[in-house]
PDB file of N, CA and C in Angstrom:
ATOM      1  N   MET A   1     -24.538 135.748 -39.133  1.00  0.00           N
ATOM      2  CA  MET A   1     -23.680 135.914 -37.971  1.00  0.00           C
ATOM      3  C   MET A   1     -24.261 135.103 -36.812  1.00  0.00           C
ATOM      4  N   ALA A   2     -23.450 134.322 -36.191  1.00  0.00           N
ATOM      5  CA  ALA A   2     -23.881 133.502 -35.057  1.00  0.00           C
ATOM      6  C   ALA A   2     -24.098 134.380 -33.828  1.00  0.00           C
ATOM      7  N   THR A   3     -25.032 133.971 -32.992  1.00  0.00           N
ATOM      8  CA  THR A   3     -25.314 134.698 -31.762  1.00  0.00           C
ATOM      9  C   THR A   3     -24.587 134.014 -30.612  1.00  0.00           C
ATOM     10  N   CYS A   4     -23.893 134.803 -29.838  1.00  0.00           N
ATOM     11  CA  CYS A   4     -23.186 134.287 -28.672  1.00  0.00           C
ATOM     12  C   CYS A   4     -24.170 134.191 -27.512  1.00  0.00           C
ATOM     13  N   GLU A   5     -24.134 133.089 -26.789  1.00  0.00           N
ATOM     14  CA  GLU A   5     -25.044 132.898 -25.663  1.00  0.00           C
ATOM     15  C   GLU A   5     -24.571 133.585 -24.388  1.00  0.00           C
ATOM     16  N   ILE A   6     -23.334 134.007 -24.354  1.00  0.00           N
ATOM     17  CA  ILE A   6     -22.772 134.636 -23.158  1.00  0.00           C
ATOM     18  C   ILE A   6     -22.865 136.153 -23.304  1.00  0.00           C
ATOM     19  N   PRO A   7     -23.711 136.794 -22.481  1.00  0.00           N
ATOM     20  CA  PRO A   7     -23.946 138.229 -22.634  1.00  0.00           C
ATOM     21  C   PRO A   7     -22.679 139.084 -22.557  1.00  0.00           C
ATOM     22  N   ALA A   8     -21.778 138.766 -21.669  1.00  0.00           N
ATOM     23  CA  ALA A   8     -20.558 139.575 -21.532  1.00  0.00           C
ATOM     24  C   ALA A   8     -19.742 139.547 -22.822  1.00  0.00           C
ATOM     25  N   LEU A   9     -19.702 138.388 -23.468  1.00  0.00           N
ATOM     26  CA  LEU A   9     -18.981 138.290 -24.736  1.00  0.00           C
ATOM     27  C   LEU A   9     -19.711 139.037 -25.844  1.00  0.00           C
ATOM     28  N   ARG A  10     -21.036 138.981 -25.840  1.00  0.00           N
ATOM     29  CA  ARG A  10     -21.818 139.724 -26.830  1.00  0.00           C
ATOM     30  C   ARG A  10     -21.537 141.215 -26.712  1.00  0.00           C
ATOM     31  N   ILE A  11     -21.554 141.704 -25.492  1.00  0.00           N
ATOM     32  CA  ILE A  11     -21.338 143.134 -25.272  1.00  0.00           C
ATOM     33  C   ILE A  11     -19.922 143.537 -25.666  1.00  0.00           C
ATOM     34  N   ALA A  12     -18.942 142.737 -25.278  1.00  0.00           N
ATOM     35  CA  ALA A  12     -17.553 143.032 -25.654  1.00  0.00           C
ATOM     36  C   ALA A  12     -17.388 143.012 -27.171  1.00  0.00           C
ATOM     37  N   ALA A  13     -18.003 142.041 -27.818  1.00  0.00           N
ATOM     38  CA  ALA A  13     -17.915 141.952 -29.279  1.00  0.00           C
ATOM     39  C   ALA A  13     -18.596 143.142 -29.948  1.00  0.00           C
ATOM     40  N   LEU A  14     -19.762 143.525 -29.441  1.00  0.00           N
ATOM     41  CA  LEU A  14     -20.468 144.674 -30.011  1.00  0.00           C
ATOM     42  C   LEU A  14     -19.672 145.962 -29.829  1.00  0.00           C
ATOM     43  N   LEU A  15     -19.045 146.129 -28.691  1.00  0.00           N
ATOM     44  CA  LEU A  15     -18.222 147.314 -28.471  1.00  0.00           C
ATOM     45  C   LEU A  15     -17.034 147.319 -29.431  1.00  0.00           C
ATOM     46  N   ALA A  16     -16.388 146.178 -29.592  1.00  0.00           N
ATOM     47  CA  ALA A  16     -15.258 146.081 -30.524  1.00  0.00           C
ATOM     48  C   ALA A  16     -15.712 146.359 -31.957  1.00  0.00           C
ATOM     49  N   LEU A  17     -16.857 145.802 -32.341  1.00  0.00           N
ATOM     50  CA  LEU A  17     -17.389 146.052 -33.682  1.00  0.00           C
ATOM     51  C   LEU A  17     -17.692 147.530 -33.891  1.00  0.00           C
ATOM     52  N   TYR A  18     -18.231 148.167 -32.854  1.00  0.00           N
ATOM     53  CA  TYR A  18     -18.510 149.595 -32.984  1.00  0.00           C
ATOM     54  C   TYR A  18     -17.208 150.369 -33.199  1.00  0.00           C
ATOM     55  N   LYS A  19     -16.194 150.025 -32.453  1.00  0.00           N
ATOM     56  CA  LYS A  19     -14.921 150.744 -32.585  1.00  0.00           C
ATOM     57  C   LYS A  19     -14.300 150.554 -33.966  1.00  0.00           C
ATOM     58  N   ILE A  20     -14.608 149.420 -34.599  1.00  0.00           N
ATOM     59  CA  ILE A  20     -14.087 149.158 -35.937  1.00  0.00           C
ATOM     60  C   ILE A  20     -14.929 149.858 -37.005  1.00  0.00           C
ATOM     61  N   ALA A  21     -16.237 149.694 -36.939  1.00  0.00           N
ATOM     62  CA  ALA A  21     -17.104 150.139 -38.026  1.00  0.00           C
ATOM     63  C   ALA A  21     -17.969 151.353 -37.706  1.00  0.00           C
ATOM     64  N   GLN A  22     -18.162 151.658 -36.447  1.00  0.00           N
ATOM     65  CA  GLN A  22     -18.971 152.787 -35.985  1.00  0.00           C
ATOM     66  C   GLN A  22     -20.341 152.839 -36.671  1.00  0.00           C
ATOM     67  N   LYS A  23     -21.077 151.750 -36.553  1.00  0.00           N
ATOM     68  CA  LYS A  23     -22.427 151.672 -37.117  1.00  0.00           C
ATOM     69  C   LYS A  23     -23.463 151.784 -36.012  1.00  0.00           C
ATOM     70  N   ASN A  24     -24.523 152.501 -36.313  1.00  0.00           N
ATOM     71  CA  ASN A  24     -25.594 152.707 -35.346  1.00  0.00           C
ATOM     72  C   ASN A  24     -26.291 151.396 -34.988  1.00  0.00           C
ATOM     73  N   THR A  25     -26.305 150.420 -35.900  1.00  0.00           N
ATOM     74  CA  THR A  25     -26.954 149.142 -35.604  1.00  0.00           C
ATOM     75  C   THR A  25     -26.269 148.446 -34.435  1.00  0.00           C
ATOM     76  N   THR A  26     -24.982 148.658 -34.295  1.00  0.00           N
ATOM     77  CA  THR A  26     -24.254 148.085 -33.163  1.00  0.00           C
ATOM     78  C   THR A  26     -24.727 148.721 -31.862  1.00  0.00           C
ATOM     79  N   LEU A  27     -24.935 150.019 -31.871  1.00  0.00           N
ATOM     80  CA  LEU A  27     -25.451 150.709 -30.683  1.00  0.00           C
ATOM     81  C   LEU A  27     -26.859 150.223 -30.347  1.00  0.00           C
ATOM     82  N   GLU A  28     -27.654 149.968 -31.363  1.00  0.00           N
ATOM     83  CA  GLU A  28     -29.010 149.461 -31.128  1.00  0.00           C
ATOM     84  C   GLU A  28     -28.974 148.086 -30.468  1.00  0.00           C
ATOM     85  N   LYS A  29     -28.042 147.245 -30.898  1.00  0.00           N
ATOM     86  CA  LYS A  29     -27.915 145.916 -30.299  1.00  0.00           C
ATOM     87  C   LYS A  29     -27.438 146.014 -28.855  1.00  0.00           C
ATOM     88  N   LEU A  30     -26.556 146.961 -28.576  1.00  0.00           N
ATOM     89  CA  LEU A  30     -26.143 147.186 -27.187  1.00  0.00           C
ATOM     90  C   LEU A  30     -27.332 147.659 -26.360  1.00  0.00           C
ATOM     91  N   THR A  31     -28.147 148.519 -26.935  1.00  0.00           N
ATOM     92  CA  THR A  31     -29.337 149.018 -26.245  1.00  0.00           C
ATOM     93  C   THR A  31     -30.269 147.866 -25.888  1.00  0.00           C
ATOM     94  N   ASN A  32     -30.383 146.889 -26.774  1.00  0.00           N
ATOM     95  CA  ASN A  32     -31.239 145.732 -26.511  1.00  0.00           C
ATOM     96  C   ASN A  32     -30.780 144.921 -25.307  1.00  0.00           C
ATOM     97  N   GLU A  33     -29.520 145.015 -24.953  1.00  0.00           N
ATOM     98  CA  GLU A  33     -28.978 144.257 -23.816  1.00  0.00           C
ATOM     99  C   GLU A  33     -29.342 144.888 -22.471  1.00  0.00           C
ATOM    100  N   ILE A  34     -29.783 146.115 -22.474  1.00  0.00           N
ATOM    101  CA  ILE A  34     -30.066 146.807 -21.209  1.00  0.00           C
ATOM    102  C   ILE A  34     -31.144 146.087 -20.401  1.00  0.00           C
ATOM    103  N   ASN A  35     -32.134 145.545 -21.061  1.00  0.00           N
ATOM    104  CA  ASN A  35     -33.230 144.878 -20.358  1.00  0.00           C
ATOM    105  C   ASN A  35     -33.005 143.382 -20.194  1.00  0.00           C
ATOM    106  N   ASN A  36     -31.776 142.940 -20.261  1.00  0.00           N
ATOM    107  CA  ASN A  36     -31.466 141.523 -20.045  1.00  0.00           C
ATOM    108  C   ASN A  36     -31.955 141.125 -18.643  1.00  0.00           C
ATOM    109  N   PRO A  37     -32.482 139.912 -18.483  1.00  0.00           N
ATOM    110  CA  PRO A  37     -32.939 139.464 -17.153  1.00  0.00           C
ATOM    111  C   PRO A  37     -31.850 139.534 -16.078  1.00  0.00           C
ATOM    112  N   ASN A  38     -30.614 139.416 -16.493  1.00  0.00           N
ATOM    113  CA  ASN A  38     -29.493 139.566 -15.562  1.00  0.00           C
ATOM    114  C   ASN A  38     -29.167 141.059 -15.488  1.00  0.00           C
ATOM    115  N   ALA A  39     -29.472 141.683 -14.376  1.00  0.00           N
ATOM    116  CA  ALA A  39     -29.332 143.139 -14.231  1.00  0.00           C
ATOM    117  C   ALA A  39     -27.917 143.639 -14.499  1.00  0.00           C
ATOM    118  N   ILE A  40     -26.929 142.854 -14.174  1.00  0.00           N
ATOM    119  CA  ILE A  40     -25.544 143.286 -14.384  1.00  0.00           C
ATOM    120  C   ILE A  40     -25.230 143.403 -15.871  1.00  0.00           C
ATOM    121  N   VAL A  41     -25.876 142.604 -16.693  1.00  0.00           N
ATOM    122  CA  VAL A  41     -25.680 142.690 -18.138  1.00  0.00           C
ATOM    123  C   VAL A  41     -26.099 144.072 -18.639  1.00  0.00           C
ATOM    124  N   GLY A  42     -27.207 144.571 -18.126  1.00  0.00           N
ATOM    125  CA  GLY A  42     -27.653 145.915 -18.496  1.00  0.00           C
ATOM    126  C   GLY A  42     -26.645 146.978 -18.125  1.00  0.00           C
ATOM    127  N   MET A  43     -26.037 146.810 -16.964  1.00  0.00           N
ATOM    128  CA  MET A  43     -25.009 147.759 -16.533  1.00  0.00           C
ATOM    129  C   MET A  43     -23.807 147.704 -17.479  1.00  0.00           C
ATOM    130  N   TYR A  44     -23.386 146.496 -17.845  1.00  0.00           N
ATOM    131  CA  TYR A  44     -22.267 146.352 -18.774  1.00  0.00           C
ATOM    132  C   TYR A  44     -22.600 146.953 -20.137  1.00  0.00           C
ATOM    133  N   ALA A  45     -23.843 146.795 -20.567  1.00  0.00           N
ATOM    134  CA  ALA A  45     -24.262 147.376 -21.842  1.00  0.00           C
ATOM    135  C   ALA A  45     -24.176 148.902 -21.777  1.00  0.00           C
ATOM    136  N   MET A  46     -24.632 149.478 -20.685  1.00  0.00           N
ATOM    137  CA  MET A  46     -24.545 150.935 -20.533  1.00  0.00           C
ATOM    138  C   MET A  46     -23.092 151.393 -20.480  1.00  0.00           C
ATOM    139  N   ASN A  47     -22.251 150.622 -19.833  1.00  0.00           N
ATOM    140  CA  ASN A  47     -20.831 150.949 -19.796  1.00  0.00           C
ATOM    141  C   ASN A  47     -20.261 150.966 -21.212  1.00  0.00           C
ATOM    142  N   ALA A  48     -20.605 149.964 -22.003  1.00  0.00           N
ATOM    143  CA  ALA A  48     -20.111 149.892 -23.375  1.00  0.00           C
ATOM    144  C   ALA A  48     -20.625 151.065 -24.205  1.00  0.00           C
ATOM    145  N   ILE A  49     -21.906 151.393 -24.036  1.00  0.00           N
ATOM    146  CA  ILE A  49     -22.477 152.524 -24.763  1.00  0.00           C
ATOM    147  C   ILE A  49     -21.753 153.811 -24.388  1.00  0.00           C
ATOM    148  N   GLU A  50     -21.481 153.979 -23.116  1.00  0.00           N
ATOM    149  CA  GLU A  50     -20.765 155.181 -22.674  1.00  0.00           C
ATOM    150  C   GLU A  50     -19.350 155.222 -23.254  1.00  0.00           C
ATOM    151  N   GLN A  51     -18.709 154.071 -23.354  1.00  0.00           N
ATOM    152  CA  GLN A  51     -17.350 154.020 -23.903  1.00  0.00           C
ATOM    153  C   GLN A  51     -17.280 154.461 -25.362  1.00  0.00           C
ATOM    154  N   THR A  52     -18.385 154.330 -26.097  1.00  0.00           N
ATOM    155  CA  THR A  52     -18.379 154.765 -27.492  1.00  0.00           C
ATOM    156  C   THR A  52     -18.291 156.285 -27.612  1.00  0.00           C
ATOM    157  N   GLU A  53     -18.690 156.987 -26.559  1.00  0.00           N
ATOM    158  CA  GLU A  53     -18.712 158.446 -26.514  1.00  0.00           C
ATOM    159  C   GLU A  53     -19.636 159.066 -27.555  1.00  0.00           C
ATOM    160  N   VAL A  54     -20.622 158.293 -28.008  1.00  0.00           N
ATOM    161  CA  VAL A  54     -21.581 158.777 -28.990  1.00  0.00           C
ATOM    162  C   VAL A  54     -22.763 159.412 -28.273  1.00  0.00           C
ATOM    163  N   LEU A  55     -23.171 160.559 -28.758  1.00  0.00           N
ATOM    164  CA  LEU A  55     -24.360 161.234 -28.244  1.00  0.00           C
ATOM    165  C   LEU A  55     -25.306 161.429 -29.427  1.00  0.00           C
ATOM    166  N   ASN A  56     -26.230 160.487 -29.577  1.00  0.00           N
ATOM    167  CA  ASN A  56     -27.221 160.574 -30.645  1.00  0.00           C
ATOM    168  C   ASN A  56     -28.555 160.039 -30.124  1.00  0.00           C
ATOM    169  N   LYS A  57     -29.520 159.909 -31.006  1.00  0.00           N
ATOM    170  CA  LYS A  57     -30.854 159.463 -30.585  1.00  0.00           C
ATOM    171  C   LYS A  57     -30.814 158.051 -30.001  1.00  0.00           C
ATOM    172  N   THR A  58     -29.971 157.205 -30.546  1.00  0.00           N
ATOM    173  CA  THR A  58     -29.891 155.827 -30.068  1.00  0.00           C
ATOM    174  C   THR A  58     -29.334 155.771 -28.655  1.00  0.00           C
ATOM    175  N   THR A  59     -28.287 156.525 -28.385  1.00  0.00           N
ATOM    176  CA  THR A  59     -27.709 156.486 -27.042  1.00  0.00           C
ATOM    177  C   THR A  59     -28.613 157.201 -26.032  1.00  0.00           C
ATOM    178  N   GLU A  60     -29.340 158.209 -26.489  1.00  0.00           N
ATOM    179  CA  GLU A  60     -30.294 158.862 -25.579  1.00  0.00           C
ATOM    180  C   GLU A  60     -31.433 157.899 -25.248  1.00  0.00           C
ATOM    181  N   LYS A  61     -31.876 157.143 -26.254  1.00  0.00           N
ATOM    182  CA  LYS A  61     -32.910 156.132 -26.023  1.00  0.00           C
ATOM    183  C   LYS A  61     -32.399 155.085 -25.035  1.00  0.00           C
ATOM    184  N   ALA A  62     -31.142 154.680 -25.183  1.00  0.00           N
ATOM    185  CA  ALA A  62     -30.545 153.704 -24.264  1.00  0.00           C
ATOM    186  C   ALA A  62     -30.568 154.235 -22.842  1.00  0.00           C
ATOM    187  N   ALA A  63     -30.219 155.509 -22.676  1.00  0.00           N
ATOM    188  CA  ALA A  63     -30.239 156.116 -21.346  1.00  0.00           C
ATOM    189  C   ALA A  63     -31.654 156.148 -20.777  1.00  0.00           C
ATOM    190  N   ASP A  64     -32.615 156.462 -21.624  1.00  0.00           N
ATOM    191  CA  ASP A  64     -34.019 156.485 -21.168  1.00  0.00           C
ATOM    192  C   ASP A  64     -34.471 155.105 -20.693  1.00  0.00           C
ATOM    193  N   ILE A  65     -34.081 154.076 -21.425  1.00  0.00           N
ATOM    194  CA  ILE A  65     -34.418 152.702 -21.039  1.00  0.00           C
ATOM    195  C   ILE A  65     -33.737 152.355 -19.717  1.00  0.00           C
ATOM    196  N   ALA A  66     -32.468 152.699 -19.605  1.00  0.00           N
ATOM    197  CA  ALA A  66     -31.693 152.349 -18.408  1.00  0.00           C
ATOM    198  C   ALA A  66     -32.177 153.084 -17.166  1.00  0.00           C
ATOM    199  N   LEU A  67     -32.735 154.269 -17.345  1.00  0.00           N
ATOM    200  CA  LEU A  67     -33.268 155.005 -16.193  1.00  0.00           C
ATOM    201  C   LEU A  67     -34.414 154.256 -15.521  1.00  0.00           C
ATOM    202  N   LYS A  68     -35.057 153.354 -16.256  1.00  0.00           N
ATOM    203  CA  LYS A  68     -36.167 152.574 -15.714  1.00  0.00           C
ATOM    204  C   LYS A  68     -35.712 151.255 -15.096  1.00  0.00           C
ATOM    205  N   SER A  69     -34.418 151.012 -15.123  1.00  0.00           N
ATOM    206  CA  SER A  69     -33.876 149.763 -14.595  1.00  0.00           C
ATOM    207  C   SER A  69     -34.069 149.679 -13.084  1.00  0.00           C
ATOM    208  N   ASP A  70     -34.221 148.461 -12.599  1.00  0.00           N
ATOM    209  CA  ASP A  70     -34.295 148.236 -11.151  1.00  0.00           C
ATOM    210  C   ASP A  70     -32.906 148.217 -10.518  1.00  0.00           C
ATOM    211  N   TYR A  71     -31.878 148.161 -11.369  1.00  0.00           N
ATOM    212  CA  TYR A  71     -30.513 148.046 -10.868  1.00  0.00           C
ATOM    213  C   TYR A  71     -29.894 149.439 -10.774  1.00  0.00           C
ATOM    214  N   ASN A  72     -29.544 149.849  -9.565  1.00  0.00           N
ATOM    215  CA  ASN A  72     -29.075 151.205  -9.307  1.00  0.00           C
ATOM    216  C   ASN A  72     -27.848 151.587 -10.138  1.00  0.00           C
ATOM    217  N   PHE A  73     -26.922 150.675 -10.348  1.00  0.00           N
ATOM    218  CA  PHE A  73     -25.706 151.008 -11.081  1.00  0.00           C
ATOM    219  C   PHE A  73     -25.994 151.266 -12.559  1.00  0.00           C
ATOM    220  N   THR A  74     -26.980 150.573 -13.117  1.00  0.00           N
ATOM    221  CA  THR A  74     -27.391 150.840 -14.492  1.00  0.00           C
ATOM    222  C   THR A  74     -28.004 152.233 -14.568  1.00  0.00           C
ATOM    223  N   LYS A  75     -28.788 152.589 -13.578  1.00  0.00           N
ATOM    224  CA  LYS A  75     -29.384 153.929 -13.525  1.00  0.00           C
ATOM    225  C   LYS A  75     -28.301 155.004 -13.426  1.00  0.00           C
ATOM    226  N   ARG A  76     -27.225 154.717 -12.708  1.00  0.00           N
ATOM    227  CA  ARG A  76     -26.144 155.707 -12.578  1.00  0.00           C
ATOM    228  C   ARG A  76     -25.507 155.994 -13.937  1.00  0.00           C
ATOM    229  N   TYR A  77     -25.263 154.934 -14.707  1.00  0.00           N
ATOM    230  CA  TYR A  77     -24.730 155.135 -16.061  1.00  0.00           C
ATOM    231  C   TYR A  77     -25.700 155.966 -16.888  1.00  0.00           C
ATOM    232  N   ALA A  78     -26.990 155.647 -16.772  1.00  0.00           N
ATOM    233  CA  ALA A  78     -28.004 156.369 -17.533  1.00  0.00           C
ATOM    234  C   ALA A  78     -28.055 157.841 -17.145  1.00  0.00           C
ATOM    235  N   THR A  79     -28.009 158.116 -15.867  1.00  0.00           N
ATOM    236  CA  THR A  79     -28.046 159.497 -15.394  1.00  0.00           C
ATOM    237  C   THR A  79     -26.848 160.280 -15.916  1.00  0.00           C
ATOM    238  N   ARG A  80     -25.688 159.677 -15.865  1.00  0.00           N
ATOM    239  CA  ARG A  80     -24.474 160.346 -16.349  1.00  0.00           C
ATOM    240  C   ARG A  80     -24.572 160.600 -17.858  1.00  0.00           C
ATOM    241  N   LEU A  81     -25.045 159.602 -18.592  1.00  0.00           N
ATOM    242  CA  LEU A  81     -25.174 159.765 -20.036  1.00  0.00           C
ATOM    243  C   LEU A  81     -26.212 160.830 -20.379  1.00  0.00           C
ATOM    244  N   LYS A  82     -27.358 160.803 -19.697  1.00  0.00           N
ATOM    245  CA  LYS A  82     -28.400 161.806 -19.948  1.00  0.00           C
ATOM    246  C   LYS A  82     -27.897 163.229 -19.678  1.00  0.00           C
ATOM    247  N   SER A  83     -27.056 163.388 -18.672  1.00  0.00           N
ATOM    248  CA  SER A  83     -26.548 164.717 -18.344  1.00  0.00           C
ATOM    249  C   SER A  83     -25.703 165.300 -19.484  1.00  0.00           C
ATOM    250  N   LYS A  84     -25.159 164.449 -20.327  1.00  0.00           N
ATOM    251  CA  LYS A  84     -24.344 164.921 -21.446  1.00  0.00           C
ATOM    252  C   LYS A  84     -25.196 165.488 -22.577  1.00  0.00           C
ATOM    253  N   PHE A  85     -26.494 165.210 -22.544  1.00  0.00           N
ATOM    254  CA  PHE A  85     -27.388 165.720 -23.568  1.00  0.00           C
ATOM    255  C   PHE A  85     -27.930 167.113 -23.223  1.00  0.00           C
ATOM    256  N   GLU A  86     -27.720 167.538 -22.010  1.00  0.00           N
ATOM    257  CA  GLU A  86     -28.274 168.826 -21.552  1.00  0.00           C
ATOM    258  C   GLU A  86     -27.354 169.974 -21.861  1.00  0.00           C
TER     259      GLU A  86
END
């Protein structure tokens, strides 16, 4: 599978793939986008993860990673997602 160089397209593709196949590996790849050097990419990744409505170890890990982000909006997604685990 070819890798897309445009983060927004990668995230959109991963979200679409998740909706089709619902594989945890797709969620893991979205989680990897959270620490992208472009802070907005991390926010988009968290948005996509939240859209899956999955609450499992992978999405909790994603929230934990995002809580450490320097970008406030990414942290907001993480806080909201973490609250669903309580």
